[in-house]
Amino acid sequence: QVQLVESGGGLVQPGGSLRLSCVASGNIFGIYVMGWYRQAPGKQRELVATITNSANTNWADSVKGRFTISRNNAKNTVSLQMNSLKPEDTAVYYCNAQNGRGIYWGQGTQVTVSS
């Protein structure tokens, strides 16, 4: 099993910034992709961004140019720097990791963008 713990959510005004972090522990051998998904009230969970262990990234169009994903393979962490936040970015953000044995999720962290 892989355990994922997120941190860094909160309340921010439109145009502001937040940084989310996630650390993986447990049976972390073979994790080849880590990333972030989000789920707004009444909506399905959706991709935000992922990054492979060779630094290939995949992005939701809605966050391109505003968010940055980074990964530290040695520390088993993945971070999401979110700039120019909009009210529509409000959601619970989930860390995700995948290896050959399964797909793993964190417990989620709330991000609220509101004035």
C-alpha atoms as a PDB file:
ATOM      1  CA  GLN A   1       0.000   0.000   0.000  1.00  0.00           C
ATOM      2  CA  VAL A   2       0.974   3.611  -0.573  1.00  0.00           C
ATOM      3  CA  GLN A   3      -0.116   6.374   1.779  1.00  0.00           C
ATOM      4  CA  LEU A   4      -0.430   9.937   0.519  1.00  0.00           C
ATOM      5  CA  VAL A   5      -0.730  12.957   2.780  1.00  0.00           C
ATOM      6  CA  GLU A   6      -1.552  16.386   1.382  1.00  0.00           C
ATOM      7  CA  SER A   7      -1.014  19.790   2.922  1.00  0.00           C
ATOM      8  CA  GLY A   8      -1.301  23.430   1.949  1.00  0.00           C
ATOM      9  CA  GLY A   9      -4.942  24.060   1.174  1.00  0.00           C
ATOM     10  CA  GLY A  10      -6.891  27.022   2.459  1.00  0.00           C
ATOM     11  CA  LEU A  11      -8.821  30.168   1.642  1.00  0.00           C
ATOM     12  CA  VAL A  12      -7.369  32.672  -0.800  1.00  0.00           C
ATOM     13  CA  GLN A  13      -8.669  35.691  -2.667  1.00  0.00           C
ATOM     14  CA  PRO A  14      -9.035  35.672  -6.447  1.00  0.00           C
ATOM     15  CA  GLY A  15      -5.675  36.327  -8.057  1.00  0.00           C
ATOM     16  CA  GLY A  16      -3.816  34.871  -5.092  1.00  0.00           C
ATOM     17  CA  SER A  17      -1.523  31.879  -4.803  1.00  0.00           C
ATOM     18  CA  LEU A  18      -1.348  28.627  -2.860  1.00  0.00           C
ATOM     19  CA  ARG A  19       1.090  25.757  -2.820  1.00  0.00           C
ATOM     20  CA  LEU A  20      -0.052  22.177  -2.243  1.00  0.00           C
ATOM     21  CA  SER A  21       2.332  19.438  -1.199  1.00  0.00           C
ATOM     22  CA  CYS A  22       1.968  15.672  -0.979  1.00  0.00           C
ATOM     23  CA  VAL A  23       4.302  13.105   0.507  1.00  0.00           C
ATOM     24  CA  ALA A  24       4.114   9.409  -0.274  1.00  0.00           C
ATOM     25  CA  SER A  25       5.051   6.663   2.164  1.00  0.00           C
ATOM     26  CA  GLY A  26       4.677   2.925   2.501  1.00  0.00           C
ATOM     27  CA  ASN A  27       5.295   0.629  -0.466  1.00  0.00           C
ATOM     28  CA  ILE A  28       6.486   3.405  -2.754  1.00  0.00           C
ATOM     29  CA  PHE A  29       8.671   1.255  -4.974  1.00  0.00           C
ATOM     30  CA  GLY A  30       7.769   1.594  -8.614  1.00  0.00           C
ATOM     31  CA  ILE A  31       5.655   4.757  -8.460  1.00  0.00           C
ATOM     32  CA  TYR A  32       5.852   6.084 -11.993  1.00  0.00           C
ATOM     33  CA  VAL A  33       3.362   8.929 -11.932  1.00  0.00           C
ATOM     34  CA  MET A  34       2.153  11.330  -9.277  1.00  0.00           C
ATOM     35  CA  GLY A  35      -0.231  14.194  -9.599  1.00  0.00           C
ATOM     36  CA  TRP A  36      -3.250  16.173  -8.548  1.00  0.00           C
ATOM     37  CA  TYR A  37      -6.945  15.880  -9.223  1.00  0.00           C
ATOM     38  CA  ARG A  38      -9.784  18.014  -7.922  1.00  0.00           C
ATOM     39  CA  GLN A  39     -13.481  17.708  -7.261  1.00  0.00           C
ATOM     40  CA  ALA A  40     -15.822  20.660  -6.963  1.00  0.00           C
ATOM     41  CA  PRO A  41     -19.261  20.333  -5.336  1.00  0.00           C
ATOM     42  CA  GLY A  42     -21.678  18.550  -7.623  1.00  0.00           C
ATOM     43  CA  LYS A  43     -19.002  17.720 -10.183  1.00  0.00           C
ATOM     44  CA  GLN A  44     -16.889  14.708 -11.051  1.00  0.00           C
ATOM     45  CA  ARG A  45     -13.267  14.449 -10.011  1.00  0.00           C
ATOM     46  CA  GLU A  46     -11.041  15.825 -12.751  1.00  0.00           C
ATOM     47  CA  LEU A  47      -7.388  15.902 -13.669  1.00  0.00           C
ATOM     48  CA  VAL A  48      -5.376  18.954 -12.710  1.00  0.00           C
ATOM     49  CA  ALA A  49      -1.841  17.828 -13.540  1.00  0.00           C
ATOM     50  CA  THR A  50       0.383  14.768 -13.411  1.00  0.00           C
ATOM     51  CA  ILE A  51       4.120  14.246 -13.631  1.00  0.00           C
ATOM     52  CA  THR A  52       6.025  11.050 -14.329  1.00  0.00           C
ATOM     53  CA  ASN A  53       9.299   9.996 -12.749  1.00  0.00           C
ATOM     54  CA  SER A  54      11.009  11.272 -15.918  1.00  0.00           C
ATOM     55  CA  ALA A  55       9.307  14.662 -15.547  1.00  0.00           C
ATOM     56  CA  ASN A  56       6.778  14.309 -18.343  1.00  0.00           C
ATOM     57  CA  THR A  57       3.685  16.315 -17.481  1.00  0.00           C
ATOM     58  CA  ASN A  58       0.015  16.273 -18.375  1.00  0.00           C
ATOM     59  CA  TRP A  59      -2.272  19.236 -17.731  1.00  0.00           C
ATOM     60  CA  ALA A  60      -5.862  20.316 -17.646  1.00  0.00           C
ATOM     61  CA  ASP A  61      -6.335  23.150 -20.138  1.00  0.00           C
ATOM     62  CA  SER A  62      -8.048  25.249 -17.485  1.00  0.00           C
ATOM     63  CA  VAL A  63      -4.882  25.536 -15.376  1.00  0.00           C
ATOM     64  CA  LYS A  64      -2.152  25.738 -18.017  1.00  0.00           C
ATOM     65  CA  GLY A  65       0.058  28.755 -17.497  1.00  0.00           C
ATOM     66  CA  ARG A  66      -1.224  29.312 -13.958  1.00  0.00           C
ATOM     67  CA  PHE A  67      -0.231  26.149 -12.109  1.00  0.00           C
ATOM     68  CA  THR A  68       3.141  24.418 -11.892  1.00  0.00           C
ATOM     69  CA  ILE A  69       3.739  20.821 -10.839  1.00  0.00           C
ATOM     70  CA  SER A  70       7.039  19.573  -9.468  1.00  0.00           C
ATOM     71  CA  ARG A  71       8.279  16.313  -8.064  1.00  0.00           C
ATOM     72  CA  ASN A  72      11.160  15.210  -5.861  1.00  0.00           C
ATOM     73  CA  ASN A  73      11.743  11.526  -6.525  1.00  0.00           C
ATOM     74  CA  ALA A  74      14.297  11.218  -3.716  1.00  0.00           C
ATOM     75  CA  LYS A  75      11.820  12.564  -1.145  1.00  0.00           C
ATOM     76  CA  ASN A  76       8.726  10.998  -2.730  1.00  0.00           C
ATOM     77  CA  THR A  77       6.924  14.308  -2.862  1.00  0.00           C
ATOM     78  CA  VAL A  78       4.875  16.144  -5.439  1.00  0.00           C
ATOM     79  CA  SER A  79       3.876  19.800  -5.234  1.00  0.00           C
ATOM     80  CA  LEU A  80       1.421  22.035  -7.039  1.00  0.00           C
ATOM     81  CA  GLN A  81       2.086  25.771  -7.170  1.00  0.00           C
ATOM     82  CA  MET A  82      -1.158  27.538  -7.994  1.00  0.00           C
ATOM     83  CA  ASN A  83      -1.026  31.158  -9.124  1.00  0.00           C
ATOM     84  CA  SER A  84      -3.680  33.549 -10.415  1.00  0.00           C
ATOM     85  CA  LEU A  85      -6.350  31.539  -8.674  1.00  0.00           C
ATOM     86  CA  LYS A  86      -9.951  31.908  -9.779  1.00  0.00           C
ATOM     87  CA  PRO A  87     -13.226  31.147  -7.968  1.00  0.00           C
ATOM     88  CA  GLU A  88     -13.726  28.215 -10.340  1.00  0.00           C
ATOM     89  CA  ASP A  89     -10.574  26.629  -8.923  1.00  0.00           C
ATOM     90  CA  THR A  90     -12.463  26.048  -5.673  1.00  0.00           C
ATOM     91  CA  ALA A  91     -12.490  22.318  -4.986  1.00  0.00           C
ATOM     92  CA  VAL A  92     -11.086  19.536  -2.874  1.00  0.00           C
ATOM     93  CA  TYR A  93      -7.675  18.692  -4.294  1.00  0.00           C
ATOM     94  CA  TYR A  94      -6.490  15.090  -4.150  1.00  0.00           C
ATOM     95  CA  CYS A  95      -2.975  13.769  -4.486  1.00  0.00           C
ATOM     96  CA  ASN A  96      -2.655  10.697  -6.694  1.00  0.00           C
ATOM     97  CA  ALA A  97       0.080   8.122  -7.222  1.00  0.00           C
ATOM     98  CA  GLN A  98       0.236   5.072  -9.462  1.00  0.00           C
ATOM     99  CA  ASN A  99       2.470   2.036  -9.637  1.00  0.00           C
ATOM    100  CA  GLY A 100       2.155  -1.397 -11.093  1.00  0.00           C
ATOM    101  CA  ARG A 101       0.060  -2.576  -8.151  1.00  0.00           C
ATOM    102  CA  GLY A 102      -2.568   0.121  -8.006  1.00  0.00           C
ATOM    103  CA  ILE A 103      -3.795   3.696  -7.919  1.00  0.00           C
ATOM    104  CA  TYR A 104      -3.650   5.568  -4.628  1.00  0.00           C
ATOM    105  CA  TRP A 105      -5.356   8.690  -3.308  1.00  0.00           C
ATOM    106  CA  GLY A 106      -4.788  11.106  -0.489  1.00  0.00           C
ATOM    107  CA  GLN A 107      -7.565  12.278   1.796  1.00  0.00           C
ATOM    108  CA  GLY A 108      -7.915  15.603  -0.002  1.00  0.00           C
ATOM    109  CA  THR A 109      -7.316  19.211   0.924  1.00  0.00           C
ATOM    110  CA  GLN A 110      -9.821  22.031   0.475  1.00  0.00           C
ATOM    111  CA  VAL A 111      -8.939  25.014  -1.691  1.00  0.00           C
ATOM    112  CA  THR A 112     -11.402  27.903  -1.615  1.00  0.00           C
ATOM    113  CA  VAL A 113     -10.976  30.962  -3.818  1.00  0.00           C
ATOM    114  CA  SER A 114     -13.279  33.734  -2.690  1.00  0.00           C
ATOM    115  CA  SER A 115     -13.288  37.415  -1.866  1.00  0.00           C
END
